[in-house]
Amino acid sequence: TIYPVFFMPWGWVDTPCDDKEMLRKEINLYNAIEDRIVEKMPSGLSNYEKVCYFAFVIVSNAEYNYTDYDEIDCHYPAYDALVKGSTVCRGYARALYELCRREGISCWYCSGSVPDGDHAWVRIDTTDGIRGLDITWYDLDEEFSRYYDGNTQYMFMTEADMAYEGYQEGID
């Protein structure tokens, strides 16, 4: 079995692990956490509400990792957001992508850049068309205020919103 990057619980590119038992345990832990998130999701939610639920669960569980930011080398899988509770944009986006895909919600993991540098986010297919969703900003106090007017949180961005904010899609 080949496990995608989002399951790898260590810097597998630089330090691969031959301990298959440990890998199985870590994958089982990750899957159990995903299972619990889905199990606790209120019933009868629309896809939009499911995406919002997943986004807030991820942000509630994880903190933005400022410490290792300079050492990032395309790691930070969903595992880091859901198990370690510490990640950067890639981990937030991958965790949201995995949960949405699990529920059959059409979405895409995207990476590229914003004016501050490399970045990752998710695009979701909504009834109003494809929308960008960048939950990283909800875990950064200084950025959160840009997407909150005191009453409403603006989670989904149109293509025009993303262009205005300087999102440019590239290859991760």
N, C-alpha and C. Protein backbone atom coordinates (compact mmCIF):
# COMPACT_ATOMS: atom_id res chain seq x y z
N THR A 1 0.83 -1.18 0.00
CA THR A 1 0.00 0.00 0.00
C THR A 1 0.88 1.24 0.00
N ILE A 2 0.52 2.19 -0.83
CA ILE A 2 1.24 3.46 -0.86
C ILE A 2 0.35 4.50 -0.20
N TYR A 3 0.90 5.19 0.82
CA TYR A 3 0.14 6.20 1.53
C TYR A 3 0.55 7.58 1.03
N PRO A 4 -0.42 8.41 0.67
CA PRO A 4 -0.11 9.76 0.21
C PRO A 4 0.56 10.60 1.29
N VAL A 5 1.13 11.70 0.88
CA VAL A 5 1.86 12.59 1.77
C VAL A 5 1.05 13.01 2.98
N PHE A 6 -0.25 13.21 2.84
CA PHE A 6 -1.02 13.75 3.95
C PHE A 6 -1.09 12.81 5.14
N PHE A 7 -0.68 11.57 4.99
CA PHE A 7 -0.67 10.64 6.11
C PHE A 7 0.68 10.55 6.80
N MET A 8 1.73 11.03 6.20
CA MET A 8 3.06 10.81 6.74
C MET A 8 3.29 11.65 7.99
N PRO A 9 3.52 11.00 9.13
CA PRO A 9 3.63 11.72 10.41
C PRO A 9 5.03 12.16 10.79
N TRP A 10 5.92 12.28 9.87
CA TRP A 10 7.28 12.74 10.17
C TRP A 10 7.85 13.31 8.90
N GLY A 11 9.04 13.83 8.94
CA GLY A 11 9.69 14.38 7.75
C GLY A 11 10.16 13.27 6.84
N TRP A 12 9.22 12.54 6.26
CA TRP A 12 9.52 11.31 5.53
C TRP A 12 10.42 11.51 4.32
N VAL A 13 10.45 12.70 3.74
CA VAL A 13 11.34 12.94 2.60
C VAL A 13 12.79 12.89 3.05
N ASP A 14 13.07 13.51 4.18
CA ASP A 14 14.43 13.58 4.69
C ASP A 14 14.80 12.40 5.57
N THR A 15 13.83 11.88 6.31
CA THR A 15 14.11 10.78 7.24
C THR A 15 13.04 9.72 7.12
N PRO A 16 13.12 8.90 6.06
CA PRO A 16 12.10 7.85 5.90
C PRO A 16 12.13 6.88 7.08
N CYS A 17 11.00 6.26 7.32
CA CYS A 17 10.87 5.34 8.44
C CYS A 17 10.61 3.93 7.93
N ASP A 18 11.35 2.98 8.42
CA ASP A 18 11.15 1.59 8.04
C ASP A 18 10.27 0.85 9.04
N ASP A 19 9.82 1.51 10.08
CA ASP A 19 9.02 0.88 11.12
C ASP A 19 7.56 0.84 10.67
N LYS A 20 7.19 -0.23 10.00
CA LYS A 20 5.84 -0.34 9.45
C LYS A 20 4.77 -0.39 10.55
N GLU A 21 5.10 -0.96 11.67
CA GLU A 21 4.14 -1.01 12.78
C GLU A 21 3.84 0.40 13.30
N MET A 22 4.88 1.21 13.45
CA MET A 22 4.67 2.59 13.88
C MET A 22 3.82 3.34 12.86
N LEU A 23 4.12 3.13 11.58
CA LEU A 23 3.35 3.79 10.53
C LEU A 23 1.89 3.38 10.60
N ARG A 24 1.63 2.09 10.79
CA ARG A 24 0.23 1.63 10.92
C ARG A 24 -0.46 2.30 12.10
N LYS A 25 0.23 2.39 13.23
CA LYS A 25 -0.36 3.03 14.41
C LYS A 25 -0.68 4.50 14.14
N GLU A 26 0.24 5.20 13.50
CA GLU A 26 0.02 6.62 13.21
C GLU A 26 -1.12 6.81 12.22
N ILE A 27 -1.20 5.96 11.22
CA ILE A 27 -2.29 6.04 10.24
C ILE A 27 -3.62 5.72 10.93
N ASN A 28 -3.62 4.72 11.79
CA ASN A 28 -4.85 4.39 12.53
C ASN A 28 -5.28 5.53 13.44
N LEU A 29 -4.31 6.20 14.08
CA LEU A 29 -4.63 7.35 14.92
C LEU A 29 -5.24 8.46 14.08
N TYR A 30 -4.61 8.77 12.95
CA TYR A 30 -5.13 9.81 12.06
C TYR A 30 -6.55 9.45 11.62
N ASN A 31 -6.76 8.21 11.17
CA ASN A 31 -8.08 7.79 10.72
C ASN A 31 -9.11 7.85 11.84
N ALA A 32 -8.71 7.51 13.07
CA ALA A 32 -9.63 7.57 14.20
C ALA A 32 -10.04 9.02 14.48
N ILE A 33 -9.12 9.94 14.35
CA ILE A 33 -9.45 11.35 14.57
C ILE A 33 -10.40 11.83 13.48
N GLU A 34 -10.12 11.49 12.22
CA GLU A 34 -11.05 11.84 11.14
C GLU A 34 -12.43 11.24 11.40
N ASP A 35 -12.44 9.95 11.79
CA ASP A 35 -13.72 9.28 12.09
C ASP A 35 -14.49 10.03 13.17
N ARG A 36 -13.80 10.45 14.21
CA ARG A 36 -14.44 11.15 15.33
C ARG A 36 -15.01 12.51 14.89
N ILE A 37 -14.26 13.21 14.07
CA ILE A 37 -14.73 14.50 13.57
C ILE A 37 -16.03 14.32 12.79
N VAL A 38 -16.05 13.33 11.91
CA VAL A 38 -17.25 13.07 11.10
C VAL A 38 -18.39 12.56 11.99
N GLU A 39 -18.07 11.69 12.94
CA GLU A 39 -19.08 11.14 13.85
C GLU A 39 -19.76 12.24 14.67
N LYS A 40 -19.02 13.24 15.09
CA LYS A 40 -19.55 14.32 15.92
C LYS A 40 -20.23 15.43 15.11
N MET A 41 -20.15 15.35 13.80
CA MET A 41 -20.76 16.37 12.95
C MET A 41 -22.28 16.29 13.10
N PRO A 42 -22.94 17.42 13.31
CA PRO A 42 -24.40 17.38 13.41
C PRO A 42 -25.02 16.79 12.14
N SER A 43 -26.10 16.08 12.30
CA SER A 43 -26.75 15.47 11.14
C SER A 43 -27.55 16.51 10.36
N GLY A 44 -27.79 16.20 9.12
CA GLY A 44 -28.63 17.04 8.28
C GLY A 44 -27.97 18.29 7.74
N LEU A 45 -26.66 18.39 7.84
CA LEU A 45 -25.98 19.59 7.33
C LEU A 45 -25.89 19.57 5.81
N SER A 46 -25.99 20.73 5.22
CA SER A 46 -25.73 20.86 3.79
C SER A 46 -24.22 20.75 3.58
N ASN A 47 -23.78 20.59 2.34
CA ASN A 47 -22.34 20.54 2.07
C ASN A 47 -21.66 21.82 2.53
N TYR A 48 -22.30 22.96 2.32
CA TYR A 48 -21.75 24.23 2.77
C TYR A 48 -21.53 24.20 4.29
N GLU A 49 -22.54 23.74 5.02
CA GLU A 49 -22.43 23.68 6.48
C GLU A 49 -21.39 22.66 6.93
N LYS A 50 -21.25 21.56 6.19
CA LYS A 50 -20.20 20.59 6.51
C LYS A 50 -18.82 21.19 6.35
N VAL A 51 -18.62 21.94 5.28
CA VAL A 51 -17.32 22.59 5.06
C VAL A 51 -17.03 23.57 6.19
N CYS A 52 -18.02 24.36 6.57
CA CYS A 52 -17.83 25.29 7.69
C CYS A 52 -17.51 24.54 8.97
N TYR A 53 -18.21 23.47 9.24
CA TYR A 53 -17.95 22.65 10.43
C TYR A 53 -16.51 22.14 10.41
N PHE A 54 -16.09 21.55 9.29
CA PHE A 54 -14.72 21.03 9.20
C PHE A 54 -13.70 22.14 9.41
N ALA A 55 -13.94 23.28 8.80
CA ALA A 55 -12.99 24.40 8.91
C ALA A 55 -12.83 24.82 10.38
N PHE A 56 -13.93 24.97 11.08
CA PHE A 56 -13.84 25.42 12.47
C PHE A 56 -13.28 24.34 13.40
N VAL A 57 -13.53 23.07 13.11
CA VAL A 57 -12.92 22.00 13.90
C VAL A 57 -11.41 22.02 13.72
N ILE A 58 -10.96 22.16 12.49
CA ILE A 58 -9.51 22.17 12.22
C ILE A 58 -8.86 23.35 12.92
N VAL A 59 -9.43 24.53 12.77
CA VAL A 59 -8.85 25.73 13.38
C VAL A 59 -8.89 25.64 14.90
N SER A 60 -9.94 25.03 15.45
CA SER A 60 -10.02 24.87 16.90
C SER A 60 -8.97 23.90 17.43
N ASN A 61 -8.60 22.94 16.61
CA ASN A 61 -7.64 21.92 17.03
C ASN A 61 -6.19 22.35 16.82
N ALA A 62 -5.92 23.07 15.76
CA ALA A 62 -4.53 23.37 15.38
C ALA A 62 -4.17 24.82 15.69
N GLU A 63 -2.89 25.02 15.89
CA GLU A 63 -2.34 26.37 16.03
C GLU A 63 -1.32 26.57 14.92
N TYR A 64 -1.24 27.79 14.47
CA TYR A 64 -0.27 28.10 13.42
C TYR A 64 1.14 27.92 13.98
N ASN A 65 1.98 27.23 13.26
CA ASN A 65 3.33 26.93 13.72
C ASN A 65 4.32 27.98 13.21
N TYR A 66 4.56 28.97 14.03
CA TYR A 66 5.54 30.01 13.69
C TYR A 66 6.97 29.53 13.89
N THR A 67 7.16 28.58 14.81
CA THR A 67 8.50 28.14 15.19
C THR A 67 9.27 27.53 14.04
N ASP A 68 8.65 26.60 13.32
CA ASP A 68 9.35 25.88 12.26
C ASP A 68 9.14 26.49 10.88
N TYR A 69 8.53 27.65 10.80
CA TYR A 69 8.13 28.19 9.51
C TYR A 69 9.31 28.30 8.53
N ASP A 70 10.47 28.71 9.00
CA ASP A 70 11.61 28.87 8.11
C ASP A 70 12.18 27.54 7.63
N GLU A 71 11.78 26.44 8.26
CA GLU A 71 12.32 25.13 7.90
C GLU A 71 11.35 24.32 7.06
N ILE A 72 10.29 24.92 6.59
CA ILE A 72 9.27 24.19 5.84
C ILE A 72 9.81 23.76 4.49
N ASP A 73 9.57 22.50 4.17
CA ASP A 73 10.01 21.95 2.89
C ASP A 73 8.89 21.09 2.33
N CYS A 74 7.74 21.68 2.10
CA CYS A 74 6.53 21.04 1.55
C CYS A 74 6.03 19.87 2.39
N HIS A 75 6.41 19.81 3.66
CA HIS A 75 5.84 18.81 4.54
C HIS A 75 4.52 19.38 5.05
N TYR A 76 4.26 19.22 6.29
CA TYR A 76 3.03 19.69 6.92
C TYR A 76 1.79 19.06 6.29
N PRO A 77 1.64 17.78 6.53
CA PRO A 77 0.45 17.11 6.05
C PRO A 77 -0.76 17.37 6.95
N ALA A 78 -1.89 16.82 6.54
CA ALA A 78 -3.11 16.91 7.35
C ALA A 78 -2.87 16.33 8.74
N TYR A 79 -2.00 15.35 8.82
CA TYR A 79 -1.65 14.73 10.10
C TYR A 79 -1.24 15.78 11.12
N ASP A 80 -0.43 16.74 10.70
CA ASP A 80 0.05 17.77 11.62
C ASP A 80 -1.10 18.61 12.18
N ALA A 81 -2.07 18.93 11.33
CA ALA A 81 -3.21 19.74 11.78
C ALA A 81 -4.11 18.95 12.72
N LEU A 82 -4.39 17.68 12.38
CA LEU A 82 -5.37 16.92 13.15
C LEU A 82 -4.77 16.14 14.33
N VAL A 83 -3.52 15.72 14.23
CA VAL A 83 -2.91 14.93 15.31
C VAL A 83 -1.97 15.77 16.15
N LYS A 84 -1.05 16.46 15.51
CA LYS A 84 -0.07 17.24 16.27
C LYS A 84 -0.65 18.55 16.79
N GLY A 85 -1.64 19.09 16.07
CA GLY A 85 -2.24 20.35 16.49
C GLY A 85 -1.37 21.56 16.22
N SER A 86 -0.44 21.41 15.29
CA SER A 86 0.47 22.50 14.93
C SER A 86 0.80 22.37 13.45
N THR A 87 0.54 23.42 12.69
CA THR A 87 0.75 23.32 11.25
C THR A 87 0.89 24.70 10.63
N VAL A 88 1.01 24.72 9.32
CA VAL A 88 0.98 25.96 8.54
C VAL A 88 -0.09 25.79 7.47
N CYS A 89 -0.15 26.68 6.52
CA CYS A 89 -1.21 26.68 5.52
C CYS A 89 -1.40 25.33 4.84
N ARG A 90 -0.33 24.66 4.51
CA ARG A 90 -0.43 23.36 3.83
C ARG A 90 -1.19 22.34 4.67
N GLY A 91 -0.91 22.29 5.95
CA GLY A 91 -1.60 21.34 6.82
C GLY A 91 -3.07 21.67 6.97
N TYR A 92 -3.38 22.96 7.13
CA TYR A 92 -4.79 23.36 7.21
C TYR A 92 -5.53 22.95 5.94
N ALA A 93 -4.95 23.29 4.80
CA ALA A 93 -5.59 23.02 3.51
C ALA A 93 -5.73 21.51 3.26
N ARG A 94 -4.68 20.76 3.56
CA ARG A 94 -4.75 19.31 3.34
C ARG A 94 -5.77 18.65 4.26
N ALA A 95 -5.86 19.09 5.49
CA ALA A 95 -6.84 18.52 6.42
C ALA A 95 -8.26 18.81 5.93
N LEU A 96 -8.52 20.03 5.53
CA LEU A 96 -9.84 20.39 5.03
C LEU A 96 -10.16 19.60 3.76
N TYR A 97 -9.19 19.51 2.88
CA TYR A 97 -9.36 18.75 1.63
C TYR A 97 -9.74 17.29 1.94
N GLU A 98 -9.02 16.66 2.85
CA GLU A 98 -9.26 15.25 3.16
C GLU A 98 -10.65 15.04 3.77
N LEU A 99 -11.04 15.90 4.69
CA LEU A 99 -12.35 15.76 5.31
C LEU A 99 -13.48 15.99 4.30
N CYS A 100 -13.32 16.99 3.45
CA CYS A 100 -14.34 17.26 2.44
C CYS A 100 -14.45 16.09 1.45
N ARG A 101 -13.32 15.61 0.98
CA ARG A 101 -13.35 14.49 0.03
C ARG A 101 -13.99 13.26 0.65
N ARG A 102 -13.71 13.05 1.91
CA ARG A 102 -14.30 11.90 2.62
C ARG A 102 -15.82 11.97 2.61
N GLU A 103 -16.36 13.19 2.69
CA GLU A 103 -17.81 13.38 2.70
C GLU A 103 -18.39 13.56 1.29
N GLY A 104 -17.56 13.38 0.26
CA GLY A 104 -18.05 13.48 -1.11
C GLY A 104 -18.24 14.91 -1.59
N ILE A 105 -17.62 15.85 -0.92
CA ILE A 105 -17.72 17.26 -1.32
C ILE A 105 -16.63 17.53 -2.34
N SER A 106 -17.00 18.00 -3.48
CA SER A 106 -16.06 18.26 -4.57
C SER A 106 -15.15 19.44 -4.20
N CYS A 107 -13.86 19.16 -4.13
CA CYS A 107 -12.91 20.20 -3.74
C CYS A 107 -11.53 19.90 -4.31
N TRP A 108 -10.66 20.89 -4.27
CA TRP A 108 -9.30 20.77 -4.79
C TRP A 108 -8.34 21.43 -3.82
N TYR A 109 -7.23 20.76 -3.57
CA TYR A 109 -6.13 21.35 -2.80
C TYR A 109 -5.37 22.24 -3.77
N CYS A 110 -5.10 23.48 -3.38
CA CYS A 110 -4.41 24.43 -4.24
C CYS A 110 -3.19 25.00 -3.52
N SER A 111 -2.18 25.25 -4.28
CA SER A 111 -1.01 25.92 -3.70
C SER A 111 -0.48 26.92 -4.71
N GLY A 112 0.22 27.88 -4.20
CA GLY A 112 0.77 28.93 -5.04
C GLY A 112 1.37 29.98 -4.15
N SER A 113 0.91 31.21 -4.34
CA SER A 113 1.45 32.28 -3.52
C SER A 113 0.41 33.36 -3.26
N VAL A 114 0.68 34.12 -2.22
CA VAL A 114 -0.03 35.34 -1.89
C VAL A 114 1.07 36.39 -1.74
N PRO A 115 0.74 37.65 -1.58
CA PRO A 115 1.80 38.67 -1.50
C PRO A 115 2.88 38.40 -0.44
N ASP A 116 2.54 37.67 0.63
CA ASP A 116 3.52 37.38 1.68
C ASP A 116 4.42 36.19 1.38
N GLY A 117 4.13 35.42 0.32
CA GLY A 117 4.97 34.26 -0.01
C GLY A 117 4.16 33.04 -0.41
N ASP A 118 4.78 31.87 -0.35
CA ASP A 118 4.12 30.62 -0.71
C ASP A 118 2.92 30.40 0.20
N HIS A 119 1.89 29.75 -0.39
CA HIS A 119 0.67 29.56 0.38
C HIS A 119 -0.12 28.39 -0.17
N ALA A 120 -1.07 27.87 0.62
CA ALA A 120 -1.96 26.79 0.20
C ALA A 120 -3.37 27.07 0.71
N TRP A 121 -4.36 26.60 -0.05
CA TRP A 121 -5.76 26.80 0.29
C TRP A 121 -6.56 25.72 -0.42
N VAL A 122 -7.88 25.78 -0.32
CA VAL A 122 -8.76 24.79 -0.95
C VAL A 122 -9.79 25.53 -1.79
N ARG A 123 -10.16 24.92 -2.89
CA ARG A 123 -11.29 25.40 -3.69
C ARG A 123 -12.42 24.39 -3.50
N ILE A 124 -13.62 24.91 -3.29
CA ILE A 124 -14.80 24.09 -3.03
C ILE A 124 -15.82 24.36 -4.13
N ASP A 125 -16.45 23.30 -4.63
CA ASP A 125 -17.52 23.44 -5.62
C ASP A 125 -18.82 23.65 -4.85
N THR A 126 -19.35 24.87 -4.89
CA THR A 126 -20.58 25.20 -4.18
C THR A 126 -21.72 25.37 -5.17
N THR A 127 -22.92 25.52 -4.66
CA THR A 127 -24.07 25.74 -5.54
C THR A 127 -23.95 27.08 -6.26
N ASP A 128 -23.11 27.98 -5.74
CA ASP A 128 -22.88 29.28 -6.38
C ASP A 128 -21.63 29.28 -7.24
N GLY A 129 -21.06 28.12 -7.50
CA GLY A 129 -19.84 28.03 -8.29
C GLY A 129 -18.64 27.68 -7.42
N ILE A 130 -17.48 27.67 -8.04
CA ILE A 130 -16.25 27.32 -7.32
C ILE A 130 -15.84 28.51 -6.45
N ARG A 131 -15.55 28.24 -5.18
CA ARG A 131 -15.13 29.28 -4.24
C ARG A 131 -13.83 28.86 -3.58
N GLY A 132 -13.01 29.85 -3.32
CA GLY A 132 -11.78 29.61 -2.58
C GLY A 132 -12.07 29.64 -1.09
N LEU A 133 -11.37 28.79 -0.36
CA LEU A 133 -11.54 28.76 1.10
C LEU A 133 -10.15 28.62 1.71
N ASP A 134 -9.77 29.62 2.47
CA ASP A 134 -8.43 29.66 3.07
C ASP A 134 -8.60 29.77 4.58
N ILE A 135 -8.60 28.62 5.26
CA ILE A 135 -8.86 28.65 6.70
C ILE A 135 -7.63 29.03 7.51
N THR A 136 -6.47 29.12 6.89
CA THR A 136 -5.27 29.53 7.62
C THR A 136 -5.50 30.87 8.31
N TRP A 137 -6.14 31.80 7.61
CA TRP A 137 -6.31 33.16 8.15
C TRP A 137 -7.17 33.18 9.41
N TYR A 138 -7.99 32.15 9.62
CA TYR A 138 -8.84 32.12 10.81
C TYR A 138 -8.07 31.75 12.06
N ASP A 139 -6.83 31.29 11.88
CA ASP A 139 -6.02 30.93 13.04
C ASP A 139 -4.91 31.95 13.30
N LEU A 140 -4.93 33.03 12.58
CA LEU A 140 -3.94 34.10 12.76
C LEU A 140 -4.68 35.35 13.19
N ASP A 141 -4.52 35.73 14.44
CA ASP A 141 -5.29 36.86 14.98
C ASP A 141 -5.17 38.12 14.14
N GLU A 142 -3.96 38.42 13.68
CA GLU A 142 -3.76 39.66 12.92
C GLU A 142 -4.46 39.61 11.55
N GLU A 143 -4.66 38.42 11.00
CA GLU A 143 -5.34 38.29 9.72
C GLU A 143 -6.85 38.11 9.88
N PHE A 144 -7.25 37.46 10.98
CA PHE A 144 -8.65 37.15 11.19
C PHE A 144 -9.53 38.38 11.06
N SER A 145 -9.08 39.50 11.57
CA SER A 145 -9.90 40.72 11.55
C SER A 145 -10.21 41.18 10.13
N ARG A 146 -9.38 40.81 9.17
CA ARG A 146 -9.64 41.19 7.78
C ARG A 146 -10.84 40.45 7.21
N TYR A 147 -11.18 39.31 7.80
CA TYR A 147 -12.25 38.48 7.27
C TYR A 147 -13.44 38.41 8.21
N TYR A 148 -13.54 39.36 9.11
CA TYR A 148 -14.62 39.35 10.08
C TYR A 148 -15.06 40.78 10.31
N ASP A 149 -16.35 41.06 10.14
CA ASP A 149 -16.82 42.44 10.30
C ASP A 149 -17.56 42.67 11.62
N GLY A 150 -17.41 41.76 12.56
CA GLY A 150 -18.11 41.88 13.84
C GLY A 150 -19.38 41.06 13.88
N ASN A 151 -19.93 40.76 12.73
CA ASN A 151 -21.15 39.96 12.65
C ASN A 151 -20.97 38.71 11.81
N THR A 152 -20.22 38.83 10.75
CA THR A 152 -20.12 37.76 9.77
C THR A 152 -18.67 37.40 9.50
N GLN A 153 -18.41 36.11 9.39
CA GLN A 153 -17.09 35.68 8.95
C GLN A 153 -17.20 35.37 7.47
N TYR A 154 -16.26 35.88 6.71
CA TYR A 154 -16.26 35.65 5.28
C TYR A 154 -15.30 34.52 4.97
N MET A 155 -15.85 33.33 4.77
CA MET A 155 -15.00 32.17 4.56
C MET A 155 -14.74 31.89 3.09
N PHE A 156 -15.76 32.04 2.26
CA PHE A 156 -15.64 31.64 0.86
C PHE A 156 -15.33 32.85 0.00
N MET A 157 -14.36 32.70 -0.89
CA MET A 157 -13.94 33.80 -1.74
C MET A 157 -14.22 33.49 -3.21
N THR A 158 -14.72 34.46 -3.91
CA THR A 158 -14.90 34.32 -5.35
C THR A 158 -13.54 34.47 -6.03
N GLU A 159 -13.49 34.21 -7.32
CA GLU A 159 -12.24 34.40 -8.07
C GLU A 159 -11.79 35.86 -7.98
N ALA A 160 -12.76 36.79 -8.03
CA ALA A 160 -12.42 38.22 -7.93
C ALA A 160 -11.83 38.53 -6.55
N ASP A 161 -12.40 37.95 -5.49
CA ASP A 161 -11.86 38.14 -4.14
C ASP A 161 -10.42 37.64 -4.07
N MET A 162 -10.20 36.47 -4.63
CA MET A 162 -8.86 35.86 -4.57
C MET A 162 -7.85 36.69 -5.36
N ALA A 163 -8.26 37.18 -6.50
CA ALA A 163 -7.36 38.02 -7.30
C ALA A 163 -7.05 39.32 -6.54
N TYR A 164 -8.07 39.90 -5.93
CA TYR A 164 -7.88 41.13 -5.15
C TYR A 164 -6.89 40.91 -4.01
N GLU A 165 -6.98 39.75 -3.35
CA GLU A 165 -6.09 39.43 -2.22
C GLU A 165 -4.70 38.98 -2.70
N GLY A 166 -4.53 38.78 -4.00
CA GLY A 166 -3.20 38.43 -4.53
C GLY A 166 -2.90 36.95 -4.61
N TYR A 167 -3.91 36.09 -4.57
CA TYR A 167 -3.70 34.66 -4.70
C TYR A 167 -3.26 34.33 -6.12
N GLN A 168 -2.20 33.56 -6.24
CA GLN A 168 -1.76 33.08 -7.54
C GLN A 168 -1.48 31.60 -7.42
N GLU A 169 -2.19 30.81 -8.21
CA GLU A 169 -2.03 29.37 -8.12
C GLU A 169 -0.76 28.94 -8.82
N GLY A 170 -0.09 27.95 -8.23
CA GLY A 170 1.14 27.41 -8.79
C GLY A 170 1.20 25.92 -8.51
N ILE A 171 2.39 25.39 -8.48
CA ILE A 171 2.58 23.95 -8.25
C ILE A 171 3.24 23.77 -6.90
N ASP A 172 2.69 22.84 -6.11
CA ASP A 172 3.26 22.52 -4.78
C ASP A 172 4.29 21.43 -4.93
